[in-house]
Amino acid sequence: MSQVLHTPPPTKATAPADDDLAALAARHGLTVSGARPSLPEYVRQLWARRHFIAAFSTAKLTAQYSQAKLGQVWQVMTPLLNAAVYYFIFGVLMGTKKGVADYIPFLVTGVFVWTFTQSSIMAGTRAISGNLGLVRALHFPRAALPISFCLQQLQQLLFSMAALVVILLCLGVPVSASWLLAIPALLLQFTFNAGIAMILARMGAKTPDIAQLMPFVLRTWMYISGVMWSLDHLLSKHNDLPSWVAPVLKANPAAVYIDLMRFALIDSFHASQLPAHVWLIATGWALLAGVGGFIYFWKAEETYGRG
């Protein structure tokens, strides 16, 4: 009678636990590919690439009209033609210029400042989804893209502002020390635009259809921001509106930055036409959008270009 030897069945080698793998990687200095850095480190990386941001924005601006025969002349002609169309439709046909002193500078300033915000937001919406090749090929802080597009639009605005200065001088608007107020107004508006652009860049990276919706949102925003008409005159004609409508319309960020630029550049646009605490409102909008938009964009840093 043979003796049966009972041997334990073979066991499968147990896979190392995730904690063991993490400890092993940490011990050898390995990190997750594309992991989101800390917020201070992210800011440091972004600052280190400031030259790339400036060069990229300038290159995009130069290439924008490279195929046109007039070339960079269109940087000035495009906003001027837009202002001419708005002047004919709203100023002449609809009569919105009545009761508005220096209507042409009033209108041109509004169109130029609004175009800065509009173009920055539209470019920011496509900053990630429209540059996936660059995002997937190179490692850099992705916030550089929406910021560079806003910087491109700022450069475009500076060309337009040079044309605006010529218009102001030709119409007899005197040079004033208040023109220096345009500098802090533009810095605040740039911060606001960059923040909104980063918010929409993250949203557009996941849902590209937002880029198709934004023109309708921006068109509505333009009409309630006093670009082509005076909000004071408009509200005085509709005094039956609820009491909260006037302060809300005047405190909306696009209207605030337009009013600040008009106050800085147009001698007939007085402080009485500005909303109360206008500089505080402008700074608040810039900080809320700029800081909030930056943090919101940074939180999804590792997801851009994937999927």
C-alpha atoms as a PDB file:
ATOM      1  CA  MET A   1       0.000   0.000   0.000  1.00  0.00           C
ATOM      2  CA  SER A   2       1.704   3.160  -1.223  1.00  0.00           C
ATOM      3  CA  GLN A   3       2.001   6.193   0.929  1.00  0.00           C
ATOM      4  CA  VAL A   4       0.551   9.406  -0.536  1.00  0.00           C
ATOM      5  CA  LEU A   5       2.561  12.431   0.173  1.00  0.00           C
ATOM      6  CA  HIS A   6       0.413  15.488   0.658  1.00  0.00           C
ATOM      7  CA  THR A   7       2.306  18.521  -0.570  1.00  0.00           C
ATOM      8  CA  PRO A   8       0.874  22.032  -0.375  1.00  0.00           C
ATOM      9  CA  PRO A   9      -0.513  23.294  -3.684  1.00  0.00           C
ATOM     10  CA  PRO A  10       1.649  25.796  -5.514  1.00  0.00           C
ATOM     11  CA  THR A  11       0.806  29.358  -4.740  1.00  0.00           C
ATOM     12  CA  LYS A  12       0.893  32.309  -7.096  1.00  0.00           C
ATOM     13  CA  ALA A  13       3.396  35.011  -6.385  1.00  0.00           C
ATOM     14  CA  THR A  14       1.606  37.882  -4.760  1.00  0.00           C
ATOM     15  CA  ALA A  15       1.816  41.161  -6.617  1.00  0.00           C
ATOM     16  CA  PRO A  16       3.398  44.015  -4.709  1.00  0.00           C
ATOM     17  CA  ALA A  17       0.869  46.324  -3.111  1.00  0.00           C
ATOM     18  CA  ASP A  18       0.269  49.796  -4.456  1.00  0.00           C
ATOM     19  CA  ASP A  19       1.738  51.247  -1.257  1.00  0.00           C
ATOM     20  CA  ASP A  20       4.936  49.248  -1.836  1.00  0.00           C
ATOM     21  CA  LEU A  21       5.186  50.511  -5.417  1.00  0.00           C
ATOM     22  CA  ALA A  22       4.645  54.099  -4.287  1.00  0.00           C
ATOM     23  CA  ALA A  23       7.339  53.709  -1.636  1.00  0.00           C
ATOM     24  CA  LEU A  24       9.711  52.156  -4.179  1.00  0.00           C
ATOM     25  CA  ALA A  25       9.133  54.988  -6.631  1.00  0.00           C
ATOM     26  CA  ALA A  26       9.621  57.624  -3.947  1.00  0.00           C
ATOM     27  CA  ARG A  27      12.842  55.938  -2.793  1.00  0.00           C
ATOM     28  CA  HIS A  28      14.298  56.199  -6.301  1.00  0.00           C
ATOM     29  CA  GLY A  29      13.035  59.723  -6.991  1.00  0.00           C
ATOM     30  CA  LEU A  30      10.348  58.714  -9.496  1.00  0.00           C
ATOM     31  CA  THR A  31       7.216  60.838  -9.897  1.00  0.00           C
ATOM     32  CA  VAL A  32       3.964  60.508 -11.806  1.00  0.00           C
ATOM     33  CA  SER A  33       4.288  61.697 -15.386  1.00  0.00           C
ATOM     34  CA  GLY A  34       2.475  65.006 -15.889  1.00  0.00           C
ATOM     35  CA  ALA A  35       1.500  65.296 -12.229  1.00  0.00           C
ATOM     36  CA  ARG A  36       0.171  68.673 -11.136  1.00  0.00           C
ATOM     37  CA  PRO A  37       2.816  70.653  -9.233  1.00  0.00           C
ATOM     38  CA  SER A  38       1.998  72.634  -6.126  1.00  0.00           C
ATOM     39  CA  LEU A  39       0.555  76.095  -6.681  1.00  0.00           C
ATOM     40  CA  PRO A  40       3.760  77.980  -5.687  1.00  0.00           C
ATOM     41  CA  GLU A  41       5.836  75.676  -7.896  1.00  0.00           C
ATOM     42  CA  TYR A  42       3.372  76.168 -10.753  1.00  0.00           C
ATOM     43  CA  VAL A  43       3.702  79.944 -10.449  1.00  0.00           C
ATOM     44  CA  ARG A  44       7.494  79.594 -10.432  1.00  0.00           C
ATOM     45  CA  GLN A  45       7.433  77.440 -13.583  1.00  0.00           C
ATOM     46  CA  LEU A  46       5.122  79.902 -15.290  1.00  0.00           C
ATOM     47  CA  TRP A  47       7.370  82.843 -14.435  1.00  0.00           C
ATOM     48  CA  ALA A  48      10.399  80.928 -15.745  1.00  0.00           C
ATOM     49  CA  ARG A  49       8.642  80.686 -19.123  1.00  0.00           C
ATOM     50  CA  ARG A  50       7.680  84.358 -19.339  1.00  0.00           C
ATOM     51  CA  HIS A  51       9.939  84.846 -22.363  1.00  0.00           C
ATOM     52  CA  PHE A  52       8.181  82.008 -24.180  1.00  0.00           C
ATOM     53  CA  ILE A  53       4.796  83.562 -23.370  1.00  0.00           C
ATOM     54  CA  ALA A  54       5.871  86.939 -24.769  1.00  0.00           C
ATOM     55  CA  ALA A  55       7.489  85.445 -27.876  1.00  0.00           C
ATOM     56  CA  PHE A  56       4.528  83.148 -28.561  1.00  0.00           C
ATOM     57  CA  SER A  57       2.002  85.984 -28.310  1.00  0.00           C
ATOM     58  CA  THR A  58       4.064  88.239 -30.588  1.00  0.00           C
ATOM     59  CA  ALA A  59       4.479  85.456 -33.158  1.00  0.00           C
ATOM     60  CA  LYS A  60       0.733  84.777 -33.173  1.00  0.00           C
ATOM     61  CA  LEU A  61       0.006  88.476 -33.630  1.00  0.00           C
ATOM     62  CA  THR A  62       2.489  88.784 -36.505  1.00  0.00           C
ATOM     63  CA  ALA A  63       1.108  85.703 -38.240  1.00  0.00           C
ATOM     64  CA  GLN A  64      -2.509  86.827 -37.838  1.00  0.00           C
ATOM     65  CA  TYR A  65      -2.499  89.007 -40.978  1.00  0.00           C
ATOM     66  CA  SER A  66       0.553  87.559 -42.721  1.00  0.00           C
ATOM     67  CA  GLN A  67      -1.490  86.366 -45.711  1.00  0.00           C
ATOM     68  CA  ALA A  68      -3.198  89.733 -46.277  1.00  0.00           C
ATOM     69  CA  LYS A  69      -1.701  92.215 -48.743  1.00  0.00           C
ATOM     70  CA  LEU A  70      -1.993  95.082 -46.280  1.00  0.00           C
ATOM     71  CA  GLY A  71      -0.375  92.928 -43.592  1.00  0.00           C
ATOM     72  CA  GLN A  72      -0.188  94.470 -40.137  1.00  0.00           C
ATOM     73  CA  VAL A  73      -2.214  97.509 -41.260  1.00  0.00           C
ATOM     74  CA  TRP A  74      -5.276  95.382 -40.500  1.00  0.00           C
ATOM     75  CA  GLN A  75      -4.375  95.480 -36.812  1.00  0.00           C
ATOM     76  CA  VAL A  76      -5.593  99.077 -36.859  1.00  0.00           C
ATOM     77  CA  MET A  77      -8.092  98.882 -39.716  1.00  0.00           C
ATOM     78  CA  THR A  78     -10.176  96.037 -38.259  1.00  0.00           C
ATOM     79  CA  PRO A  79     -11.285  97.803 -35.044  1.00  0.00           C
ATOM     80  CA  LEU A  80     -11.694 101.101 -36.925  1.00  0.00           C
ATOM     81  CA  LEU A  81     -14.008  99.478 -39.476  1.00  0.00           C
ATOM     82  CA  ASN A  82     -15.984  97.864 -36.656  1.00  0.00           C
ATOM     83  CA  ALA A  83     -16.362 101.274 -35.028  1.00  0.00           C
ATOM     84  CA  ALA A  84     -17.474 102.801 -38.352  1.00  0.00           C
ATOM     85  CA  VAL A  85     -20.174 100.129 -38.761  1.00  0.00           C
ATOM     86  CA  TYR A  86     -21.428 100.640 -35.209  1.00  0.00           C
ATOM     87  CA  TYR A  87     -21.437 104.420 -35.720  1.00  0.00           C
ATOM     88  CA  PHE A  88     -23.620 104.128 -38.818  1.00  0.00           C
ATOM     89  CA  ILE A  89     -26.056 101.590 -37.354  1.00  0.00           C
ATOM     90  CA  PHE A  90     -26.352 102.801 -33.784  1.00  0.00           C
ATOM     91  CA  GLY A  91     -25.201 106.409 -33.927  1.00  0.00           C
ATOM     92  CA  VAL A  92     -26.915 107.490 -37.151  1.00  0.00           C
ATOM     93  CA  LEU A  93     -29.794 105.084 -37.811  1.00  0.00           C
ATOM     94  CA  MET A  94     -30.773 104.491 -34.175  1.00  0.00           C
ATOM     95  CA  GLY A  95     -29.787 107.943 -32.932  1.00  0.00           C
ATOM     96  CA  THR A  96     -27.829 106.825 -29.890  1.00  0.00           C
ATOM     97  CA  LYS A  97     -25.344 109.669 -30.380  1.00  0.00           C
ATOM     98  CA  LYS A  98     -27.939 112.224 -29.285  1.00  0.00           C
ATOM     99  CA  GLY A  99     -27.087 113.668 -25.895  1.00  0.00           C
ATOM    100  CA  VAL A 100     -23.629 112.068 -25.811  1.00  0.00           C
ATOM    101  CA  ALA A 101     -20.763 114.555 -25.997  1.00  0.00           C
ATOM    102  CA  ASP A 102     -17.816 113.521 -28.190  1.00  0.00           C
ATOM    103  CA  TYR A 103     -19.754 110.532 -29.474  1.00  0.00           C
ATOM    104  CA  ILE A 104     -17.085 109.346 -31.910  1.00  0.00           C
ATOM    105  CA  PRO A 105     -14.342 109.074 -29.231  1.00  0.00           C
ATOM    106  CA  PHE A 106     -16.999 107.668 -26.883  1.00  0.00           C
ATOM    107  CA  LEU A 107     -17.895 104.947 -29.391  1.00  0.00           C
ATOM    108  CA  VAL A 108     -14.381 104.139 -30.592  1.00  0.00           C
ATOM    109  CA  THR A 109     -13.083 103.797 -27.026  1.00  0.00           C
ATOM    110  CA  GLY A 110     -15.951 101.478 -26.156  1.00  0.00           C
ATOM    111  CA  VAL A 111     -15.425  99.334 -29.260  1.00  0.00           C
ATOM    112  CA  PHE A 112     -11.665  99.024 -28.735  1.00  0.00           C
ATOM    113  CA  VAL A 113     -11.895  98.165 -25.030  1.00  0.00           C
ATOM    114  CA  TRP A 114     -14.747  95.717 -25.572  1.00  0.00           C
ATOM    115  CA  THR A 115     -12.898  94.017 -28.452  1.00  0.00           C
ATOM    116  CA  PHE A 116      -9.970  93.424 -26.081  1.00  0.00           C
ATOM    117  CA  THR A 117     -12.199  91.488 -23.682  1.00  0.00           C
ATOM    118  CA  GLN A 118     -14.170  89.708 -26.403  1.00  0.00           C
ATOM    119  CA  SER A 119     -11.101  88.531 -28.342  1.00  0.00           C
ATOM    120  CA  SER A 120      -9.275  87.440 -25.183  1.00  0.00           C
ATOM    121  CA  ILE A 121     -12.197  85.287 -24.063  1.00  0.00           C
ATOM    122  CA  MET A 122     -12.726  83.720 -27.487  1.00  0.00           C
ATOM    123  CA  ALA A 123      -9.015  82.938 -27.843  1.00  0.00           C
ATOM    124  CA  GLY A 124      -8.908  81.548 -24.311  1.00  0.00           C
ATOM    125  CA  THR A 125     -11.835  79.231 -25.009  1.00  0.00           C
ATOM    126  CA  ARG A 126      -9.773  77.488 -27.709  1.00  0.00           C
ATOM    127  CA  ALA A 127      -6.403  77.829 -25.963  1.00  0.00           C
ATOM    128  CA  ILE A 128      -6.156  74.124 -25.051  1.00  0.00           C
ATOM    129  CA  SER A 129      -8.537  72.421 -27.478  1.00  0.00           C
ATOM    130  CA  GLY A 130      -7.062  74.303 -30.435  1.00  0.00           C
ATOM    131  CA  ASN A 131      -3.429  73.568 -29.528  1.00  0.00           C
ATOM    132  CA  LEU A 132      -3.487  69.898 -28.598  1.00  0.00           C
ATOM    133  CA  GLY A 133      -0.412  69.143 -30.688  1.00  0.00           C
ATOM    134  CA  LEU A 134       1.644  71.625 -28.695  1.00  0.00           C
ATOM    135  CA  VAL A 135       0.138  70.521 -25.384  1.00  0.00           C
ATOM    136  CA  ARG A 136       0.902  66.837 -26.031  1.00  0.00           C
ATOM    137  CA  ALA A 137       4.368  67.366 -27.482  1.00  0.00           C
ATOM    138  CA  LEU A 138       5.943  69.716 -24.949  1.00  0.00           C
ATOM    139  CA  HIS A 139       5.997  69.959 -21.165  1.00  0.00           C
ATOM    140  CA  PHE A 140       5.220  73.451 -19.880  1.00  0.00           C
ATOM    141  CA  PRO A 141       2.636  75.080 -17.584  1.00  0.00           C
ATOM    142  CA  ARG A 142      -0.557  75.009 -19.653  1.00  0.00           C
ATOM    143  CA  ALA A 143      -1.649  78.381 -18.243  1.00  0.00           C
ATOM    144  CA  ALA A 144       0.983  79.880 -20.525  1.00  0.00           C
ATOM    145  CA  LEU A 145      -1.378  79.389 -23.473  1.00  0.00           C
ATOM    146  CA  PRO A 146      -4.440  81.399 -22.356  1.00  0.00           C
ATOM    147  CA  ILE A 147      -2.169  84.063 -20.853  1.00  0.00           C
ATOM    148  CA  SER A 148      -0.193  84.382 -24.090  1.00  0.00           C
ATOM    149  CA  PHE A 149      -3.408  84.745 -26.108  1.00  0.00           C
ATOM    150  CA  CYS A 150      -4.550  87.541 -23.784  1.00  0.00           C
ATOM    151  CA  LEU A 151      -1.152  89.190 -24.157  1.00  0.00           C
ATOM    152  CA  GLN A 152      -1.578  88.966 -27.924  1.00  0.00           C
ATOM    153  CA  GLN A 153      -4.891  90.791 -27.681  1.00  0.00           C
ATOM    154  CA  LEU A 154      -3.306  93.416 -25.412  1.00  0.00           C
ATOM    155  CA  GLN A 155      -0.689  94.090 -28.083  1.00  0.00           C
ATOM    156  CA  GLN A 156      -3.487  94.357 -30.628  1.00  0.00           C
ATOM    157  CA  LEU A 157      -5.265  96.862 -28.390  1.00  0.00           C
ATOM    158  CA  LEU A 158      -2.127  98.994 -28.088  1.00  0.00           C
ATOM    159  CA  PHE A 159      -2.050  99.357 -31.885  1.00  0.00           C
ATOM    160  CA  SER A 160      -5.705 100.366 -31.771  1.00  0.00           C
ATOM    161  CA  MET A 161      -5.071 102.829 -28.946  1.00  0.00           C
ATOM    162  CA  ALA A 162      -2.435 104.552 -31.064  1.00  0.00           C
ATOM    163  CA  ALA A 163      -5.102 105.097 -33.722  1.00  0.00           C
ATOM    164  CA  LEU A 164      -7.517 106.278 -31.011  1.00  0.00           C
ATOM    165  CA  VAL A 165      -5.040 108.920 -29.833  1.00  0.00           C
ATOM    166  CA  VAL A 166      -4.856 110.272 -33.388  1.00  0.00           C
ATOM    167  CA  ILE A 167      -8.674 110.379 -33.550  1.00  0.00           C
ATOM    168  CA  LEU A 168      -8.870 112.200 -30.222  1.00  0.00           C
ATOM    169  CA  LEU A 169      -6.335 114.809 -31.302  1.00  0.00           C
ATOM    170  CA  CYS A 170      -8.042 115.325 -34.668  1.00  0.00           C
ATOM    171  CA  LEU A 171     -11.386 115.902 -32.913  1.00  0.00           C
ATOM    172  CA  GLY A 172      -9.893 118.481 -30.578  1.00  0.00           C
ATOM    173  CA  VAL A 173      -9.793 116.405 -27.401  1.00  0.00           C
ATOM    174  CA  PRO A 174      -6.892 117.894 -25.401  1.00  0.00           C
ATOM    175  CA  VAL A 175      -3.999 115.862 -24.033  1.00  0.00           C
ATOM    176  CA  SER A 176      -4.477 115.505 -20.301  1.00  0.00           C
ATOM    177  CA  ALA A 177      -2.683 114.000 -17.331  1.00  0.00           C
ATOM    178  CA  SER A 178      -5.737 111.770 -16.883  1.00  0.00           C
ATOM    179  CA  TRP A 179      -4.544 109.793 -19.915  1.00  0.00           C
ATOM    180  CA  LEU A 180      -2.076 108.101 -17.547  1.00  0.00           C
ATOM    181  CA  LEU A 181      -5.050 106.453 -15.819  1.00  0.00           C
ATOM    182  CA  ALA A 182      -5.373 104.266 -18.910  1.00  0.00           C
ATOM    183  CA  ILE A 183      -2.326 102.279 -17.743  1.00  0.00           C
ATOM    184  CA  PRO A 184      -3.776 100.897 -14.458  1.00  0.00           C
ATOM    185  CA  ALA A 185      -7.160 100.467 -16.163  1.00  0.00           C
ATOM    186  CA  LEU A 186      -5.584  98.291 -18.865  1.00  0.00           C
ATOM    187  CA  LEU A 187      -3.599  96.266 -16.312  1.00  0.00           C
ATOM    188  CA  LEU A 188      -6.765  95.530 -14.345  1.00  0.00           C
ATOM    189  CA  GLN A 189      -8.654  94.624 -17.502  1.00  0.00           C
ATOM    190  CA  PHE A 190      -5.832  92.351 -18.667  1.00  0.00           C
ATOM    191  CA  THR A 191      -5.888  90.514 -15.319  1.00  0.00           C
ATOM    192  CA  PHE A 192      -9.648  90.106 -15.571  1.00  0.00           C
ATOM    193  CA  ASN A 193      -9.480  88.908 -19.190  1.00  0.00           C
ATOM    194  CA  ALA A 194      -6.723  86.401 -18.426  1.00  0.00           C
ATOM    195  CA  GLY A 195      -8.701  84.950 -15.520  1.00  0.00           C
ATOM    196  CA  ILE A 196     -11.869  84.490 -17.574  1.00  0.00           C
ATOM    197  CA  ALA A 197      -9.798  83.062 -20.439  1.00  0.00           C
ATOM    198  CA  MET A 198      -8.294  80.439 -18.117  1.00  0.00           C
ATOM    199  CA  ILE A 199     -11.721  79.457 -16.791  1.00  0.00           C
ATOM    200  CA  LEU A 200     -13.054  78.979 -20.307  1.00  0.00           C
ATOM    201  CA  ALA A 201      -9.837  77.274 -21.455  1.00  0.00           C
ATOM    202  CA  ARG A 202     -10.406  74.533 -18.879  1.00  0.00           C
ATOM    203  CA  MET A 203     -14.095  74.259 -19.765  1.00  0.00           C
ATOM    204  CA  GLY A 204     -13.336  74.300 -23.504  1.00  0.00           C
ATOM    205  CA  ALA A 205     -10.725  71.565 -23.107  1.00  0.00           C
ATOM    206  CA  LYS A 206     -13.464  69.188 -21.920  1.00  0.00           C
ATOM    207  CA  THR A 207     -16.399  70.589 -23.910  1.00  0.00           C
ATOM    208  CA  PRO A 208     -15.315  72.109 -27.247  1.00  0.00           C
ATOM    209  CA  ASP A 209     -18.927  73.089 -27.981  1.00  0.00           C
ATOM    210  CA  ILE A 210     -18.499  76.019 -25.576  1.00  0.00           C
ATOM    211  CA  ALA A 211     -16.583  77.803 -28.335  1.00  0.00           C
ATOM    212  CA  GLN A 212     -19.748  77.692 -30.468  1.00  0.00           C
ATOM    213  CA  LEU A 213     -21.893  79.092 -27.657  1.00  0.00           C
ATOM    214  CA  MET A 214     -19.613  81.947 -26.588  1.00  0.00           C
ATOM    215  CA  PRO A 215     -20.333  84.328 -29.520  1.00  0.00           C
ATOM    216  CA  PHE A 216     -23.993  84.506 -28.457  1.00  0.00           C
ATOM    217  CA  VAL A 217     -23.070  85.082 -24.811  1.00  0.00           C
ATOM    218  CA  LEU A 218     -20.545  87.770 -25.742  1.00  0.00           C
ATOM    219  CA  ARG A 219     -22.969  89.530 -28.090  1.00  0.00           C
ATOM    220  CA  THR A 220     -25.534  89.780 -25.298  1.00  0.00           C
ATOM    221  CA  TRP A 221     -22.856  90.980 -22.888  1.00  0.00           C
ATOM    222  CA  MET A 222     -21.784  93.668 -25.358  1.00  0.00           C
ATOM    223  CA  TYR A 223     -25.308  95.077 -25.671  1.00  0.00           C
ATOM    224  CA  ILE A 224     -25.691  95.491 -21.896  1.00  0.00           C
ATOM    225  CA  SER A 225     -22.225  97.032 -21.396  1.00  0.00           C
ATOM    226  CA  GLY A 226     -22.762 100.451 -22.985  1.00  0.00           C
ATOM    227  CA  VAL A 227     -20.369  99.941 -25.884  1.00  0.00           C
ATOM    228  CA  MET A 228     -22.485 101.849 -28.436  1.00  0.00           C
ATOM    229  CA  TRP A 229     -24.646 103.955 -26.122  1.00  0.00           C
ATOM    230  CA  SER A 230     -24.616 105.689 -22.775  1.00  0.00           C
ATOM    231  CA  LEU A 231     -26.048 103.537 -20.006  1.00  0.00           C
ATOM    232  CA  ASP A 232     -27.086 106.686 -18.140  1.00  0.00           C
ATOM    233  CA  HIS A 233     -29.201 107.872 -21.078  1.00  0.00           C
ATOM    234  CA  LEU A 234     -30.621 104.412 -21.637  1.00  0.00           C
ATOM    235  CA  LEU A 235     -31.636 103.980 -17.991  1.00  0.00           C
ATOM    236  CA  SER A 236     -33.132 107.474 -17.824  1.00  0.00           C
ATOM    237  CA  LYS A 237     -35.492 106.549 -20.673  1.00  0.00           C
ATOM    238  CA  HIS A 238     -36.597 103.399 -18.851  1.00  0.00           C
ATOM    239  CA  ASN A 239     -37.088 104.661 -15.312  1.00  0.00           C
ATOM    240  CA  ASP A 240     -39.771 102.036 -14.721  1.00  0.00           C
ATOM    241  CA  LEU A 241     -37.136  99.314 -14.377  1.00  0.00           C
ATOM    242  CA  PRO A 242     -36.532  97.694 -10.970  1.00  0.00           C
ATOM    243  CA  SER A 243     -34.130  99.631  -8.759  1.00  0.00           C
ATOM    244  CA  TRP A 244     -31.451  96.918  -8.851  1.00  0.00           C
ATOM    245  CA  VAL A 245     -31.050  96.976 -12.658  1.00  0.00           C
ATOM    246  CA  ALA A 246     -29.050 100.234 -12.881  1.00  0.00           C
ATOM    247  CA  PRO A 247     -26.319  99.359 -10.332  1.00  0.00           C
ATOM    248  CA  VAL A 248     -25.998  95.838 -11.762  1.00  0.00           C
ATOM    249  CA  LEU A 249     -25.556  97.111 -15.327  1.00  0.00           C
ATOM    250  CA  LYS A 250     -23.027  99.731 -14.267  1.00  0.00           C
ATOM    251  CA  ALA A 251     -21.046  97.300 -12.097  1.00  0.00           C
ATOM    252  CA  ASN A 252     -20.693  94.627 -14.770  1.00  0.00           C
ATOM    253  CA  PRO A 253     -16.954  94.300 -15.471  1.00  0.00           C
ATOM    254  CA  ALA A 254     -17.024  95.128 -19.188  1.00  0.00           C
ATOM    255  CA  ALA A 255     -18.903  98.370 -18.517  1.00  0.00           C
ATOM    256  CA  VAL A 256     -16.553  99.248 -15.634  1.00  0.00           C
ATOM    257  CA  TYR A 257     -13.391  98.943 -17.737  1.00  0.00           C
ATOM    258  CA  ILE A 258     -14.975 100.811 -20.657  1.00  0.00           C
ATOM    259  CA  ASP A 259     -16.043 103.629 -18.338  1.00  0.00           C
ATOM    260  CA  LEU A 260     -12.561 103.876 -16.829  1.00  0.00           C
ATOM    261  CA  MET A 261     -10.965 104.210 -20.250  1.00  0.00           C
ATOM    262  CA  ARG A 262     -13.505 106.818 -21.325  1.00  0.00           C
ATOM    263  CA  PHE A 263     -12.912 108.766 -18.128  1.00  0.00           C
ATOM    264  CA  ALA A 264      -9.145 108.612 -18.689  1.00  0.00           C
ATOM    265  CA  LEU A 265      -9.150 109.661 -22.350  1.00  0.00           C
ATOM    266  CA  ILE A 266     -12.240 111.790 -23.029  1.00  0.00           C
ATOM    267  CA  ASP A 267     -12.366 115.217 -21.415  1.00  0.00           C
ATOM    268  CA  SER A 268     -16.177 115.428 -21.587  1.00  0.00           C
ATOM    269  CA  PHE A 269     -16.693 112.094 -19.789  1.00  0.00           C
ATOM    270  CA  HIS A 270     -16.944 113.210 -16.160  1.00  0.00           C
ATOM    271  CA  ALA A 271     -16.553 111.350 -12.891  1.00  0.00           C
ATOM    272  CA  SER A 272     -20.291 111.718 -12.284  1.00  0.00           C
ATOM    273  CA  GLN A 273     -20.858 109.192 -15.066  1.00  0.00           C
ATOM    274  CA  LEU A 274     -18.806 106.546 -13.277  1.00  0.00           C
ATOM    275  CA  PRO A 275     -20.380 104.084 -10.845  1.00  0.00           C
ATOM    276  CA  ALA A 276     -19.596 104.640  -7.183  1.00  0.00           C
ATOM    277  CA  HIS A 277     -16.276 103.176  -5.993  1.00  0.00           C
ATOM    278  CA  VAL A 278     -15.377 102.342  -9.597  1.00  0.00           C
ATOM    279  CA  TRP A 279     -11.674 101.640  -8.979  1.00  0.00           C
ATOM    280  CA  LEU A 280     -12.537  99.339  -6.087  1.00  0.00           C
ATOM    281  CA  ILE A 281     -15.019  97.479  -8.302  1.00  0.00           C
ATOM    282  CA  ALA A 282     -12.485  97.213 -11.131  1.00  0.00           C
ATOM    283  CA  THR A 283      -9.822  95.857  -8.755  1.00  0.00           C
ATOM    284  CA  GLY A 284     -12.294  93.416  -7.208  1.00  0.00           C
ATOM    285  CA  TRP A 285     -13.305  92.010 -10.585  1.00  0.00           C
ATOM    286  CA  ALA A 286      -9.644  91.673 -11.617  1.00  0.00           C
ATOM    287  CA  LEU A 287      -8.677  89.823  -8.413  1.00  0.00           C
ATOM    288  CA  LEU A 288     -11.766  87.613  -8.429  1.00  0.00           C
ATOM    289  CA  ALA A 289     -11.361  86.550 -12.051  1.00  0.00           C
ATOM    290  CA  GLY A 290      -7.561  86.573 -12.148  1.00  0.00           C
ATOM    291  CA  VAL A 291      -6.808  84.640  -8.956  1.00  0.00           C
ATOM    292  CA  GLY A 292      -9.933  82.468  -9.088  1.00  0.00           C
ATOM    293  CA  GLY A 293      -9.460  81.646 -12.770  1.00  0.00           C
ATOM    294  CA  PHE A 294      -5.796  80.788 -12.278  1.00  0.00           C
ATOM    295  CA  ILE A 295      -6.504  78.380  -9.398  1.00  0.00           C
ATOM    296  CA  TYR A 296      -9.443  76.830 -11.270  1.00  0.00           C
ATOM    297  CA  PHE A 297      -7.229  76.226 -14.324  1.00  0.00           C
ATOM    298  CA  TRP A 298      -4.314  74.892 -12.246  1.00  0.00           C
ATOM    299  CA  LYS A 299      -6.484  72.264 -10.525  1.00  0.00           C
ATOM    300  CA  ALA A 300      -6.981  70.458 -13.857  1.00  0.00           C
ATOM    301  CA  GLU A 301      -3.379  70.841 -15.050  1.00  0.00           C
ATOM    302  CA  GLU A 302      -2.672  67.107 -15.381  1.00  0.00           C
ATOM    303  CA  THR A 303      -5.783  66.475 -17.506  1.00  0.00           C
ATOM    304  CA  TYR A 304      -5.010  68.780 -20.425  1.00  0.00           C
ATOM    305  CA  GLY A 305      -4.209  66.966 -23.647  1.00  0.00           C
ATOM    306  CA  ARG A 306      -5.293  63.556 -22.351  1.00  0.00           C
ATOM    307  CA  GLY A 307      -8.175  61.435 -23.480  1.00  0.00           C
END
